C-alpha atoms as a PDB file:
ATOM      1  CA  MET A   1      80.007  -7.494  39.461  1.00  0.00           C
ATOM      2  CA  GLY A   2      79.237 -10.319  41.894  1.00  0.00           C
ATOM      3  CA  LYS A   3      77.102 -13.332  41.106  1.00  0.00           C
ATOM      4  CA  ILE A   4      73.344 -13.116  41.232  1.00  0.00           C
ATOM      5  CA  ILE A   5      71.648 -15.849  43.242  1.00  0.00           C
ATOM      6  CA  GLY A   6      67.961 -16.682  43.442  1.00  0.00           C
ATOM      7  CA  ILE A   7      66.314 -18.679  46.211  1.00  0.00           C
ATOM      8  CA  ASP A   8      62.834 -20.152  45.888  1.00  0.00           C
ATOM      9  CA  LEU A   9      61.720 -20.893  49.427  1.00  0.00           C
ATOM     10  CA  GLY A  10      58.627 -22.940  48.771  1.00  0.00           C
ATOM     11  CA  THR A  11      56.169 -24.300  51.295  1.00  0.00           C
ATOM     12  CA  THR A  12      56.959 -27.884  50.285  1.00  0.00           C
ATOM     13  CA  ASN A  13      60.286 -27.691  48.411  1.00  0.00           C
ATOM     14  CA  SER A  14      63.074 -25.143  47.945  1.00  0.00           C
ATOM     15  CA  CYS A  15      65.454 -24.423  45.075  1.00  0.00           C
ATOM     16  CA  VAL A  16      68.571 -22.284  44.459  1.00  0.00           C
ATOM     17  CA  ALA A  17      69.884 -20.903  41.153  1.00  0.00           C
ATOM     18  CA  VAL A  18      72.682 -18.589  39.992  1.00  0.00           C
ATOM     19  CA  MET A  19      72.943 -16.479  36.854  1.00  0.00           C
ATOM     20  CA  GLU A  20      75.649 -17.706  34.478  1.00  0.00           C
ATOM     21  CA  GLY A  21      76.063 -16.164  31.038  1.00  0.00           C
ATOM     22  CA  GLY A  22      72.785 -14.286  31.445  1.00  0.00           C
ATOM     23  CA  ARG A  23      70.826 -17.475  32.103  1.00  0.00           C
ATOM     24  CA  PRO A  24      69.705 -19.067  35.375  1.00  0.00           C
ATOM     25  CA  LYS A  25      71.449 -22.304  36.370  1.00  0.00           C
ATOM     26  CA  VAL A  26      69.726 -24.387  39.047  1.00  0.00           C
ATOM     27  CA  ILE A  27      72.099 -25.786  41.664  1.00  0.00           C
ATOM     28  CA  PRO A  28      71.355 -29.477  42.346  1.00  0.00           C
ATOM     29  CA  THR A  29      71.590 -30.799  45.886  1.00  0.00           C
ATOM     30  CA  VAL A  30      74.844 -32.457  46.888  1.00  0.00           C
ATOM     31  CA  ASP A  31      73.260 -35.543  48.431  1.00  0.00           C
ATOM     32  CA  THR A  32      70.587 -36.452  45.840  1.00  0.00           C
ATOM     33  CA  GLY A  33      71.415 -34.407  42.733  1.00  0.00           C
ATOM     34  CA  LYS A  34      67.797 -33.202  42.545  1.00  0.00           C
ATOM     35  CA  ASN A  35      66.975 -29.598  41.632  1.00  0.00           C
ATOM     36  CA  THR A  36      64.754 -29.178  44.692  1.00  0.00           C
ATOM     37  CA  THR A  37      64.950 -30.245  48.306  1.00  0.00           C
ATOM     38  CA  PRO A  38      62.178 -30.519  50.905  1.00  0.00           C
ATOM     39  CA  SER A  39      61.708 -27.295  52.884  1.00  0.00           C
ATOM     40  CA  VAL A  40      62.375 -29.037  56.201  1.00  0.00           C
ATOM     41  CA  VAL A  41      65.059 -28.201  58.788  1.00  0.00           C
ATOM     42  CA  GLU A  42      66.095 -29.799  62.081  1.00  0.00           C
ATOM     43  CA  PRO A  43      68.386 -27.150  63.623  1.00  0.00           C
ATOM     44  CA  VAL A  44      69.560 -29.130  66.682  1.00  0.00           C
ATOM     45  CA  LYS A  45      71.250 -31.836  64.588  1.00  0.00           C
ATOM     46  CA  ASN A  46      71.790 -29.531  61.555  1.00  0.00           C
ATOM     47  CA  LEU A  47      69.650 -31.666  59.246  1.00  0.00           C
ATOM     48  CA  VAL A  48      68.018 -30.292  56.098  1.00  0.00           C
ATOM     49  CA  GLY A  49      65.923 -31.572  53.215  1.00  0.00           C
ATOM     50  CA  ASP A  50      65.205 -35.276  52.796  1.00  0.00           C
ATOM     51  CA  VAL A  51      67.138 -36.306  55.927  1.00  0.00           C
ATOM     52  CA  ALA A  52      65.237 -33.823  58.101  1.00  0.00           C
ATOM     53  CA  LYS A  53      61.930 -34.879  56.558  1.00  0.00           C
ATOM     54  CA  ARG A  54      62.564 -38.584  57.279  1.00  0.00           C
ATOM     55  CA  GLN A  55      63.264 -37.985  60.971  1.00  0.00           C
ATOM     56  CA  MET A  56      60.341 -35.546  61.383  1.00  0.00           C
ATOM     57  CA  ILE A  57      57.938 -38.277  62.581  1.00  0.00           C
ATOM     58  CA  LEU A  58      60.139 -39.179  65.553  1.00  0.00           C
ATOM     59  CA  ASN A  59      61.371 -35.648  66.271  1.00  0.00           C
ATOM     60  CA  SER A  60      58.569 -33.283  65.275  1.00  0.00           C
ATOM     61  CA  LYS A  61      59.224 -30.984  68.255  1.00  0.00           C
ATOM     62  CA  ASN A  62      62.629 -29.942  66.879  1.00  0.00           C
ATOM     63  CA  THR A  63      61.727 -29.966  63.178  1.00  0.00           C
ATOM     64  CA  VAL A  64      60.672 -26.890  61.208  1.00  0.00           C
ATOM     65  CA  TYR A  65      58.510 -27.411  58.124  1.00  0.00           C
ATOM     66  CA  SER A  66      56.246 -25.107  56.110  1.00  0.00           C
ATOM     67  CA  ALA A  67      58.375 -22.212  57.392  1.00  0.00           C
ATOM     68  CA  LYS A  68      57.095 -20.040  54.559  1.00  0.00           C
ATOM     69  CA  ARG A  69      53.705 -19.971  56.281  1.00  0.00           C
ATOM     70  CA  LEU A  70      55.334 -18.580  59.432  1.00  0.00           C
ATOM     71  CA  MET A  71      56.654 -15.556  57.525  1.00  0.00           C
ATOM     72  CA  GLY A  72      54.516 -12.427  57.464  1.00  0.00           C
END
């Protein structure tokens, strides 16, 4: 059987976990080691999380945030 993965796409932050030994294990982010990352994406420059959030003020036109609210 393949691995089970869970994604929590939150309005403010997102989180990913996998099942290991029957228990969920949260995957920390590579850049900060935190269990969550801001739900912000800048697709032109391929920026996500904290980096995308920091540049959002200067580049709001190309930055997606609160994407969960755009879903039906």
